[in-house]
Amino acid sequence: MGREYDKLVRDGIPERIERNGETPVVHTADDEEYEQRLLEKLDEEVAEFRDGKEMAELADVLEVVHAIREHHGVSADRLSSLRSEKASERGRFEDRIVLERVET
């Protein structure tokens, strides 16, 4: 009897499953499916980080972000530049400002 997952996994997971004496059933996603699966994986990893607040889970979030970046053909340097540009324009989150409302 097997377990159902139906989700994107890291490249080394099938080999780990085989080392445990089990047989993984996998397929390679096309571009459209890969994009969708990456977004689902991002949601999954963010939820895991929210639940446990462990840095290892945050590292998983970053791994998915970088996979999305690569899938879109954006270099790590370009993403870092975009992040810096946005921070220069709008700031970061260092001051812990919570916007309650805007009154007119």
PDB file of N, CA and C in Angstrom:
ATOM      1  N   MET A   1       0.842  -1.186   0.000  1.00  0.00           N
ATOM      2  CA  MET A   1       0.000   0.000   0.000  1.00  0.00           C
ATOM      3  C   MET A   1       0.884   1.245   0.000  1.00  0.00           C
ATOM      4  N   GLY A   2       0.578   2.201  -0.842  1.00  0.00           N
ATOM      5  CA  GLY A   2       1.407   3.391  -0.976  1.00  0.00           C
ATOM      6  C   GLY A   2       0.822   4.609  -0.304  1.00  0.00           C
ATOM      7  N   ARG A   3       1.608   5.671  -0.343  1.00  0.00           N
ATOM      8  CA  ARG A   3       1.185   6.976   0.164  1.00  0.00           C
ATOM      9  C   ARG A   3       1.125   7.928  -1.017  1.00  0.00           C
ATOM     10  N   GLU A   4       0.114   8.767  -1.051  1.00  0.00           N
ATOM     11  CA  GLU A   4      -0.052   9.752  -2.124  1.00  0.00           C
ATOM     12  C   GLU A   4       0.543  11.092  -1.694  1.00  0.00           C
ATOM     13  N   TYR A   5       1.272  11.710  -2.595  1.00  0.00           N
ATOM     14  CA  TYR A   5       1.845  13.032  -2.324  1.00  0.00           C
ATOM     15  C   TYR A   5       1.424  14.051  -3.371  1.00  0.00           C
ATOM     16  N   ASP A   6       1.598  13.753  -4.647  1.00  0.00           N
ATOM     17  CA  ASP A   6       1.233  14.636  -5.748  1.00  0.00           C
ATOM     18  C   ASP A   6       1.746  16.054  -5.534  1.00  0.00           C
ATOM     19  N   LYS A   7       3.065  16.177  -5.341  1.00  0.00           N
ATOM     20  CA  LYS A   7       3.659  17.493  -5.135  1.00  0.00           C
ATOM     21  C   LYS A   7       5.086  17.502  -5.661  1.00  0.00           C
ATOM     22  N   LEU A   8       5.575  18.686  -5.948  1.00  0.00           N
ATOM     23  CA  LEU A   8       6.950  18.888  -6.367  1.00  0.00           C
ATOM     24  C   LEU A   8       7.870  18.577  -5.193  1.00  0.00           C
ATOM     25  N   VAL A   9       8.935  17.828  -5.463  1.00  0.00           N
ATOM     26  CA  VAL A   9       9.907  17.497  -4.414  1.00  0.00           C
ATOM     27  C   VAL A   9      11.314  17.820  -4.897  1.00  0.00           C
ATOM     28  N   ARG A  10      12.222  17.913  -3.955  1.00  0.00           N
ATOM     29  CA  ARG A  10      13.625  18.158  -4.289  1.00  0.00           C
ATOM     30  C   ARG A  10      14.173  16.998  -5.116  1.00  0.00           C
ATOM     31  N   ASP A  11      15.182  17.291  -5.935  1.00  0.00           N
ATOM     32  CA  ASP A  11      15.725  16.323  -6.881  1.00  0.00           C
ATOM     33  C   ASP A  11      16.207  15.027  -6.237  1.00  0.00           C
ATOM     34  N   GLY A  12      16.709  15.070  -5.013  1.00  0.00           N
ATOM     35  CA  GLY A  12      17.269  13.888  -4.376  1.00  0.00           C
ATOM     36  C   GLY A  12      16.254  13.008  -3.656  1.00  0.00           C
ATOM     37  N   ILE A  13      15.010  13.421  -3.603  1.00  0.00           N
ATOM     38  CA  ILE A  13      14.001  12.675  -2.837  1.00  0.00           C
ATOM     39  C   ILE A  13      13.733  11.276  -3.403  1.00  0.00           C
ATOM     40  N   PRO A  14      13.595  11.109  -4.725  1.00  0.00           N
ATOM     41  CA  PRO A  14      13.360   9.745  -5.219  1.00  0.00           C
ATOM     42  C   PRO A  14      14.461   8.758  -4.818  1.00  0.00           C
ATOM     43  N   GLU A  15      15.716   9.189  -4.844  1.00  0.00           N
ATOM     44  CA  GLU A  15      16.818   8.310  -4.447  1.00  0.00           C
ATOM     45  C   GLU A  15      16.731   7.954  -2.967  1.00  0.00           C
ATOM     46  N   ARG A  16      16.341   8.908  -2.147  1.00  0.00           N
ATOM     47  CA  ARG A  16      16.192   8.622  -0.713  1.00  0.00           C
ATOM     48  C   ARG A  16      15.088   7.593  -0.484  1.00  0.00           C
ATOM     49  N   ILE A  17      14.003   7.714  -1.251  1.00  0.00           N
ATOM     50  CA  ILE A  17      12.904   6.761  -1.136  1.00  0.00           C
ATOM     51  C   ILE A  17      13.385   5.370  -1.531  1.00  0.00           C
ATOM     52  N   GLU A  18      14.164   5.296  -2.611  1.00  0.00           N
ATOM     53  CA  GLU A  18      14.699   4.008  -3.053  1.00  0.00           C
ATOM     54  C   GLU A  18      15.635   3.407  -2.016  1.00  0.00           C
ATOM     55  N   ARG A  19      16.460   4.225  -1.383  1.00  0.00           N
ATOM     56  CA  ARG A  19      17.368   3.725  -0.339  1.00  0.00           C
ATOM     57  C   ARG A  19      16.596   3.141   0.842  1.00  0.00           C
ATOM     58  N   ASN A  20      15.355   3.589   1.023  1.00  0.00           N
ATOM     59  CA  ASN A  20      14.501   3.057   2.083  1.00  0.00           C
ATOM     60  C   ASN A  20      13.744   1.812   1.642  1.00  0.00           C
ATOM     61  N   GLY A  21      14.077   1.295   0.441  1.00  0.00           N
ATOM     62  CA  GLY A  21      13.451   0.081  -0.037  1.00  0.00           C
ATOM     63  C   GLY A  21      12.069   0.265  -0.636  1.00  0.00           C
ATOM     64  N   GLU A  22      11.721   1.503  -0.948  1.00  0.00           N
ATOM     65  CA  GLU A  22      10.418   1.792  -1.541  1.00  0.00           C
ATOM     66  C   GLU A  22      10.619   2.238  -2.991  1.00  0.00           C
ATOM     67  N   THR A  23       9.542   2.284  -3.737  1.00  0.00           N
ATOM     68  CA  THR A  23       9.604   2.666  -5.140  1.00  0.00           C
ATOM     69  C   THR A  23       8.827   3.964  -5.365  1.00  0.00           C
ATOM     70  N   PRO A  24       9.533   5.036  -5.733  1.00  0.00           N
ATOM     71  CA  PRO A  24       8.832   6.290  -6.020  1.00  0.00           C
ATOM     72  C   PRO A  24       8.210   6.245  -7.416  1.00  0.00           C
ATOM     73  N   VAL A  25       7.034   6.772  -7.546  1.00  0.00           N
ATOM     74  CA  VAL A  25       6.397   6.932  -8.849  1.00  0.00           C
ATOM     75  C   VAL A  25       6.403   8.427  -9.137  1.00  0.00           C
ATOM     76  N   VAL A  26       7.129   8.826 -10.199  1.00  0.00           N
ATOM     77  CA  VAL A  26       7.352  10.244 -10.488  1.00  0.00           C
ATOM     78  C   VAL A  26       7.108  10.535 -11.962  1.00  0.00           C
ATOM     79  N   HIS A  27       7.011  11.808 -12.283  1.00  0.00           N
ATOM     80  CA  HIS A  27       7.061  12.267 -13.670  1.00  0.00           C
ATOM     81  C   HIS A  27       7.748  13.626 -13.675  1.00  0.00           C
ATOM     82  N   THR A  28       8.207  14.033 -14.858  1.00  0.00           N
ATOM     83  CA  THR A  28       8.841  15.335 -15.010  1.00  0.00           C
ATOM     84  C   THR A  28       7.807  16.325 -15.508  1.00  0.00           C
ATOM     85  N   ALA A  29       7.654  17.419 -14.783  1.00  0.00           N
ATOM     86  CA  ALA A  29       6.668  18.443 -15.123  1.00  0.00           C
ATOM     87  C   ALA A  29       7.100  19.216 -16.359  1.00  0.00           C
ATOM     88  N   ASP A  30       6.134  19.557 -17.205  1.00  0.00           N
ATOM     89  CA  ASP A  30       6.418  20.479 -18.306  1.00  0.00           C
ATOM     90  C   ASP A  30       6.462  21.893 -17.720  1.00  0.00           C
ATOM     91  N   ASP A  31       6.751  22.884 -18.553  1.00  0.00           N
ATOM     92  CA  ASP A  31       6.910  24.257 -18.054  1.00  0.00           C
ATOM     93  C   ASP A  31       5.673  24.770 -17.324  1.00  0.00           C
ATOM     94  N   GLU A  32       4.509  24.530 -17.891  1.00  0.00           N
ATOM     95  CA  GLU A  32       3.278  25.033 -17.277  1.00  0.00           C
ATOM     96  C   GLU A  32       3.016  24.375 -15.931  1.00  0.00           C
ATOM     97  N   GLU A  33       3.157  23.065 -15.883  1.00  0.00           N
ATOM     98  CA  GLU A  33       2.937  22.362 -14.610  1.00  0.00           C
ATOM     99  C   GLU A  33       3.995  22.760 -13.587  1.00  0.00           C
ATOM    100  N   TYR A  34       5.247  22.886 -14.047  1.00  0.00           N
ATOM    101  CA  TYR A  34       6.331  23.257 -13.141  1.00  0.00           C
ATOM    102  C   TYR A  34       6.054  24.601 -12.475  1.00  0.00           C
ATOM    103  N   GLU A  35       5.597  25.565 -13.265  1.00  0.00           N
ATOM    104  CA  GLU A  35       5.259  26.886 -12.711  1.00  0.00           C
ATOM    105  C   GLU A  35       4.199  26.752 -11.622  1.00  0.00           C
ATOM    106  N   GLN A  36       3.151  26.004 -11.908  1.00  0.00           N
ATOM    107  CA  GLN A  36       2.068  25.810 -10.936  1.00  0.00           C
ATOM    108  C   GLN A  36       2.567  25.078  -9.688  1.00  0.00           C
ATOM    109  N   ARG A  37       3.364  24.039  -9.899  1.00  0.00           N
ATOM    110  CA  ARG A  37       3.881  23.269  -8.769  1.00  0.00           C
ATOM    111  C   ARG A  37       4.822  24.100  -7.907  1.00  0.00           C
ATOM    112  N   LEU A  38       5.596  24.975  -8.512  1.00  0.00           N
ATOM    113  CA  LEU A  38       6.470  25.853  -7.732  1.00  0.00           C
ATOM    114  C   LEU A  38       5.649  26.787  -6.846  1.00  0.00           C
ATOM    115  N   LEU A  39       4.570  27.318  -7.392  1.00  0.00           N
ATOM    116  CA  LEU A  39       3.721  28.206  -6.587  1.00  0.00           C
ATOM    117  C   LEU A  39       3.071  27.446  -5.436  1.00  0.00           C
ATOM    118  N   GLU A  40       2.642  26.222  -5.700  1.00  0.00           N
ATOM    119  CA  GLU A  40       2.077  25.387  -4.628  1.00  0.00           C
ATOM    120  C   GLU A  40       3.138  25.089  -3.571  1.00  0.00           C
ATOM    121  N   LYS A  41       4.364  24.798  -4.025  1.00  0.00           N
ATOM    122  CA  LYS A  41       5.458  24.498  -3.097  1.00  0.00           C
ATOM    123  C   LYS A  41       5.802  25.727  -2.266  1.00  0.00           C
ATOM    124  N   LEU A  42       5.749  26.900  -2.871  1.00  0.00           N
ATOM    125  CA  LEU A  42       6.007  28.133  -2.123  1.00  0.00           C
ATOM    126  C   LEU A  42       4.990  28.287  -1.005  1.00  0.00           C
ATOM    127  N   ASP A  43       3.719  28.077  -1.322  1.00  0.00           N
ATOM    128  CA  ASP A  43       2.674  28.153  -0.288  1.00  0.00           C
ATOM    129  C   ASP A  43       2.930  27.135   0.821  1.00  0.00           C
ATOM    130  N   GLU A  44       3.295  25.924   0.420  1.00  0.00           N
ATOM    131  CA  GLU A  44       3.558  24.852   1.401  1.00  0.00           C
ATOM    132  C   GLU A  44       4.705  25.232   2.333  1.00  0.00           C
ATOM    133  N   GLU A  45       5.794  25.700   1.754  1.00  0.00           N
ATOM    134  CA  GLU A  45       6.971  26.022   2.571  1.00  0.00           C
ATOM    135  C   GLU A  45       6.723  27.238   3.463  1.00  0.00           C
ATOM    136  N   VAL A  46       5.997  28.225   2.960  1.00  0.00           N
ATOM    137  CA  VAL A  46       5.664  29.389   3.793  1.00  0.00           C
ATOM    138  C   VAL A  46       4.797  28.946   4.970  1.00  0.00           C
ATOM    139  N   ALA A  47       3.825  28.086   4.716  1.00  0.00           N
ATOM    140  CA  ALA A  47       2.962  27.581   5.794  1.00  0.00           C
ATOM    141  C   ALA A  47       3.779  26.817   6.830  1.00  0.00           C
ATOM    142  N   GLU A  48       4.729  26.006   6.378  1.00  0.00           N
ATOM    143  CA  GLU A  48       5.577  25.263   7.323  1.00  0.00           C
ATOM    144  C   GLU A  48       6.421  26.211   8.161  1.00  0.00           C
ATOM    145  N   PHE A  49       6.925  27.270   7.538  1.00  0.00           N
ATOM    146  CA  PHE A  49       7.695  28.242   8.309  1.00  0.00           C
ATOM    147  C   PHE A  49       6.806  28.955   9.317  1.00  0.00           C
ATOM    148  N   ARG A  50       5.609  29.348   8.883  1.00  0.00           N
ATOM    149  CA  ARG A  50       4.681  30.025   9.789  1.00  0.00           C
ATOM    150  C   ARG A  50       4.353  29.150  10.986  1.00  0.00           C
ATOM    151  N   ASP A  51       4.179  27.854  10.747  1.00  0.00           N
ATOM    152  CA  ASP A  51       3.816  26.931  11.826  1.00  0.00           C
ATOM    153  C   ASP A  51       4.955  26.710  12.814  1.00  0.00           C
ATOM    154  N   GLY A  52       6.173  26.526  12.296  1.00  0.00           N
ATOM    155  CA  GLY A  52       7.277  26.163  13.174  1.00  0.00           C
ATOM    156  C   GLY A  52       8.289  27.257  13.429  1.00  0.00           C
ATOM    157  N   LYS A  53       8.317  28.249  12.562  1.00  0.00           N
ATOM    158  CA  LYS A  53       9.267  29.365  12.654  1.00  0.00           C
ATOM    159  C   LYS A  53      10.721  28.905  12.750  1.00  0.00           C
ATOM    160  N   GLU A  54      11.018  27.779  12.101  1.00  0.00           N
ATOM    161  CA  GLU A  54      12.388  27.263  12.098  1.00  0.00           C
ATOM    162  C   GLU A  54      13.144  27.807  10.895  1.00  0.00           C
ATOM    163  N   MET A  55      14.408  28.152  11.107  1.00  0.00           N
ATOM    164  CA  MET A  55      15.214  28.710  10.032  1.00  0.00           C
ATOM    165  C   MET A  55      15.387  27.722   8.879  1.00  0.00           C
ATOM    166  N   ALA A  56      15.388  26.430   9.154  1.00  0.00           N
ATOM    167  CA  ALA A  56      15.483  25.432   8.081  1.00  0.00           C
ATOM    168  C   ALA A  56      14.274  25.542   7.146  1.00  0.00           C
ATOM    169  N   GLU A  57      13.134  25.846   7.681  1.00  0.00           N
ATOM    170  CA  GLU A  57      11.932  26.033   6.850  1.00  0.00           C
ATOM    171  C   GLU A  57      12.041  27.318   6.037  1.00  0.00           C
ATOM    172  N   LEU A  58      12.613  28.355   6.622  1.00  0.00           N
ATOM    173  CA  LEU A  58      12.822  29.596   5.880  1.00  0.00           C
ATOM    174  C   LEU A  58      13.810  29.368   4.735  1.00  0.00           C
ATOM    175  N   ALA A  59      14.809  28.525   4.975  1.00  0.00           N
ATOM    176  CA  ALA A  59      15.752  28.159   3.910  1.00  0.00           C
ATOM    177  C   ALA A  59      15.021  27.445   2.773  1.00  0.00           C
ATOM    178  N   ASP A  60      14.034  26.623   3.111  1.00  0.00           N
ATOM    179  CA  ASP A  60      13.228  25.965   2.081  1.00  0.00           C
ATOM    180  C   ASP A  60      12.446  26.986   1.261  1.00  0.00           C
ATOM    181  N   VAL A  61      11.934  28.014   1.921  1.00  0.00           N
ATOM    182  CA  VAL A  61      11.231  29.077   1.206  1.00  0.00           C
ATOM    183  C   VAL A  61      12.180  29.717   0.193  1.00  0.00           C
ATOM    184  N   LEU A  62      13.402  30.014   0.628  1.00  0.00           N
ATOM    185  CA  LEU A  62      14.382  30.618  -0.269  1.00  0.00           C
ATOM    186  C   LEU A  62      14.729  29.697  -1.433  1.00  0.00           C
ATOM    187  N   GLU A  63      14.818  28.406  -1.178  1.00  0.00           N
ATOM    188  CA  GLU A  63      15.116  27.453  -2.246  1.00  0.00           C
ATOM    189  C   GLU A  63      14.041  27.506  -3.323  1.00  0.00           C
ATOM    190  N   VAL A  64      12.785  27.580  -2.905  1.00  0.00           N
ATOM    191  CA  VAL A  64      11.688  27.672  -3.865  1.00  0.00           C
ATOM    192  C   VAL A  64      11.724  29.018  -4.590  1.00  0.00           C
ATOM    193  N   VAL A  65      11.999  30.091  -3.871  1.00  0.00           N
ATOM    194  CA  VAL A  65      12.107  31.408  -4.504  1.00  0.00           C
ATOM    195  C   VAL A  65      13.178  31.374  -5.591  1.00  0.00           C
ATOM    196  N   HIS A  66      14.313  30.762  -5.303  1.00  0.00           N
ATOM    197  CA  HIS A  66      15.380  30.697  -6.297  1.00  0.00           C
ATOM    198  C   HIS A  66      15.008  29.793  -7.476  1.00  0.00           C
ATOM    199  N   ALA A  67      14.256  28.749  -7.230  1.00  0.00           N
ATOM    200  CA  ALA A  67      13.785  27.911  -8.339  1.00  0.00           C
ATOM    201  C   ALA A  67      12.840  28.699  -9.240  1.00  0.00           C
ATOM    202  N   ILE A  68      11.968  29.492  -8.638  1.00  0.00           N
ATOM    203  CA  ILE A  68      11.055  30.341  -9.414  1.00  0.00           C
ATOM    204  C   ILE A  68      11.856  31.366 -10.211  1.00  0.00           C
ATOM    205  N   ARG A  69      12.830  31.976  -9.565  1.00  0.00           N
ATOM    206  CA  ARG A  69      13.690  32.965 -10.218  1.00  0.00           C
ATOM    207  C   ARG A  69      14.373  32.339 -11.435  1.00  0.00           C
ATOM    208  N   GLU A  70      14.957  31.157 -11.247  1.00  0.00           N
ATOM    209  CA  GLU A  70      15.650  30.473 -12.348  1.00  0.00           C
ATOM    210  C   GLU A  70      14.673  30.111 -13.465  1.00  0.00           C
ATOM    211  N   HIS A  71      13.493  29.646 -13.100  1.00  0.00           N
ATOM    212  CA  HIS A  71      12.490  29.267 -14.095  1.00  0.00           C
ATOM    213  C   HIS A  71      12.107  30.461 -14.970  1.00  0.00           C
ATOM    214  N   HIS A  72      12.137  31.653 -14.394  1.00  0.00           N
ATOM    215  CA  HIS A  72      11.808  32.867 -15.136  1.00  0.00           C
ATOM    216  C   HIS A  72      13.036  33.505 -15.791  1.00  0.00           C
ATOM    217  N   GLY A  73      14.178  32.845 -15.676  1.00  0.00           N
ATOM    218  CA  GLY A  73      15.384  33.335 -16.330  1.00  0.00           C
ATOM    219  C   GLY A  73      15.970  34.584 -15.708  1.00  0.00           C
ATOM    220  N   VAL A  74      15.750  34.751 -14.417  1.00  0.00           N
ATOM    221  CA  VAL A  74      16.260  35.923 -13.707  1.00  0.00           C
ATOM    222  C   VAL A  74      17.462  35.492 -12.871  1.00  0.00           C
ATOM    223  N   SER A  75      18.553  36.219 -12.995  1.00  0.00           N
ATOM    224  CA  SER A  75      19.754  35.877 -12.225  1.00  0.00           C
ATOM    225  C   SER A  75      19.577  36.251 -10.761  1.00  0.00           C
ATOM    226  N   ALA A  76      20.393  35.630  -9.924  1.00  0.00           N
ATOM    227  CA  ALA A  76      20.376  35.965  -8.493  1.00  0.00           C
ATOM    228  C   ALA A  76      20.758  37.428  -8.296  1.00  0.00           C
ATOM    229  N   ASP A  77      21.710  37.907  -9.097  1.00  0.00           N
ATOM    230  CA  ASP A  77      22.118  39.307  -9.002  1.00  0.00           C
ATOM    231  C   ASP A  77      20.973  40.241  -9.371  1.00  0.00           C
ATOM    232  N   ARG A  78      20.223  39.894 -10.407  1.00  0.00           N
ATOM    233  CA  ARG A  78      19.102  40.745 -10.835  1.00  0.00           C
ATOM    234  C   ARG A  78      18.027  40.791  -9.754  1.00  0.00           C
ATOM    235  N   LEU A  79      17.712  39.623  -9.174  1.00  0.00           N
ATOM    236  CA  LEU A  79      16.719  39.591  -8.106  1.00  0.00           C
ATOM    237  C   LEU A  79      17.181  40.426  -6.916  1.00  0.00           C
ATOM    238  N   SER A  80      18.456  40.321  -6.594  1.00  0.00           N
ATOM    239  CA  SER A  80      19.013  41.107  -5.494  1.00  0.00           C
ATOM    240  C   SER A  80      18.936  42.606  -5.811  1.00  0.00           C
ATOM    241  N   SER A  81      19.192  42.967  -7.058  1.00  0.00           N
ATOM    242  CA  SER A  81      19.091  44.368  -7.468  1.00  0.00           C
ATOM    243  C   SER A  81      17.658  44.869  -7.359  1.00  0.00           C
ATOM    244  N   LEU A  82      16.703  44.054  -7.805  1.00  0.00           N
ATOM    245  CA  LEU A  82      15.287  44.433  -7.695  1.00  0.00           C
ATOM    246  C   LEU A  82      14.898  44.638  -6.241  1.00  0.00           C
ATOM    247  N   ARG A  83      15.372  43.750  -5.382  1.00  0.00           N
ATOM    248  CA  ARG A  83      15.091  43.871  -3.948  1.00  0.00           C
ATOM    249  C   ARG A  83      15.664  45.176  -3.405  1.00  0.00           C
ATOM    250  N   SER A  84      16.904  45.483  -3.769  1.00  0.00           N
ATOM    251  CA  SER A  84      17.556  46.716  -3.306  1.00  0.00           C
ATOM    252  C   SER A  84      16.858  47.955  -3.830  1.00  0.00           C
ATOM    253  N   GLU A  85      16.455  47.930  -5.114  1.00  0.00           N
ATOM    254  CA  GLU A  85      15.747  49.067  -5.693  1.00  0.00           C
ATOM    255  C   GLU A  85      14.440  49.333  -4.956  1.00  0.00           C
ATOM    256  N   LYS A  86      13.707  48.265  -4.673  1.00  0.00           N
ATOM    257  CA  LYS A  86      12.434  48.421  -3.978  1.00  0.00           C
ATOM    258  C   LYS A  86      12.665  48.956  -2.561  1.00  0.00           C
ATOM    259  N   ALA A  87      13.711  48.459  -1.908  1.00  0.00           N
ATOM    260  CA  ALA A  87      14.037  48.937  -0.566  1.00  0.00           C
ATOM    261  C   ALA A  87      14.417  50.422  -0.591  1.00  0.00           C
ATOM    262  N   SER A  88      15.139  50.832  -1.628  1.00  0.00           N
ATOM    263  CA  SER A  88      15.522  52.245  -1.746  1.00  0.00           C
ATOM    264  C   SER A  88      14.300  53.127  -1.957  1.00  0.00           C
ATOM    265  N   GLU A  89      13.351  52.638  -2.751  1.00  0.00           N
ATOM    266  CA  GLU A  89      12.150  53.415  -3.056  1.00  0.00           C
ATOM    267  C   GLU A  89      11.153  53.451  -1.901  1.00  0.00           C
ATOM    268  N   ARG A  90      10.959  52.316  -1.241  1.00  0.00           N
ATOM    269  CA  ARG A  90       9.883  52.187  -0.251  1.00  0.00           C
ATOM    270  C   ARG A  90      10.345  51.849   1.153  1.00  0.00           C
ATOM    271  N   GLY A  91      11.612  51.530   1.291  1.00  0.00           N
ATOM    272  CA  GLY A  91      12.136  51.144   2.594  1.00  0.00           C
ATOM    273  C   GLY A  91      12.102  49.637   2.791  1.00  0.00           C
ATOM    274  N   ARG A  92      12.516  49.232   3.961  1.00  0.00           N
ATOM    275  CA  ARG A  92      12.530  47.810   4.313  1.00  0.00           C
ATOM    276  C   ARG A  92      11.425  47.581   5.337  1.00  0.00           C
ATOM    277  N   PHE A  93      11.639  46.693   6.267  1.00  0.00           N
ATOM    278  CA  PHE A  93      10.679  46.432   7.329  1.00  0.00           C
ATOM    279  C   PHE A  93      11.337  46.586   8.698  1.00  0.00           C
ATOM    280  N   GLU A  94      12.460  47.285   8.738  1.00  0.00           N
ATOM    281  CA  GLU A  94      13.242  47.420   9.952  1.00  0.00           C
ATOM    282  C   GLU A  94      12.541  48.207  11.050  1.00  0.00           C
ATOM    283  N   ASP A  95      11.733  49.199  10.678  1.00  0.00           N
ATOM    284  CA  ASP A  95      11.095  50.061  11.664  1.00  0.00           C
ATOM    285  C   ASP A  95       9.801  49.485  12.228  1.00  0.00           C
ATOM    286  N   ARG A  96       9.392  48.340  11.734  1.00  0.00           N
ATOM    287  CA  ARG A  96       8.213  47.612  12.246  1.00  0.00           C
ATOM    288  C   ARG A  96       6.924  48.425  12.185  1.00  0.00           C
ATOM    289  N   ILE A  97       6.784  49.235  11.164  1.00  0.00           N
ATOM    290  CA  ILE A  97       5.618  50.106  11.019  1.00  0.00           C
ATOM    291  C   ILE A  97       4.398  49.294  10.595  1.00  0.00           C
ATOM    292  N   VAL A  98       3.310  49.472  11.308  1.00  0.00           N
ATOM    293  CA  VAL A  98       2.032  48.849  10.976  1.00  0.00           C
ATOM    294  C   VAL A  98       1.076  49.955  10.556  1.00  0.00           C
ATOM    295  N   LEU A  99       0.621  49.931   9.322  1.00  0.00           N
ATOM    296  CA  LEU A  99      -0.329  50.916   8.832  1.00  0.00           C
ATOM    297  C   LEU A  99      -1.731  50.493   9.245  1.00  0.00           C
ATOM    298  N   GLU A 100      -2.334  51.258  10.105  1.00  0.00           N
ATOM    299  CA  GLU A 100      -3.676  50.932  10.597  1.00  0.00           C
ATOM    300  C   GLU A 100      -4.751  51.400   9.639  1.00  0.00           C
ATOM    301  N   ARG A 101      -4.615  52.602   9.110  1.00  0.00           N
ATOM    302  CA  ARG A 101      -5.606  53.121   8.179  1.00  0.00           C
ATOM    303  C   ARG A 101      -5.055  54.399   7.562  1.00  0.00           C
ATOM    304  N   VAL A 102      -5.742  54.879   6.526  1.00  0.00           N
ATOM    305  CA  VAL A 102      -5.452  56.166   5.914  1.00  0.00           C
ATOM    306  C   VAL A 102      -6.732  56.959   5.955  1.00  0.00           C
ATOM    307  N   GLU A 103      -6.677  58.094   6.589  1.00  0.00           N
ATOM    308  CA  GLU A 103      -7.875  58.921   6.722  1.00  0.00           C
ATOM    309  C   GLU A 103      -7.874  60.005   5.653  1.00  0.00           C
ATOM    310  N   THR A 104      -9.069  60.345   5.186  1.00  0.00           N
ATOM    311  CA  THR A 104      -9.181  61.394   4.164  1.00  0.00           C
ATOM    312  C   THR A 104      -9.975  62.559   4.689  1.00  0.00           C
TER     313      THR A 104
END
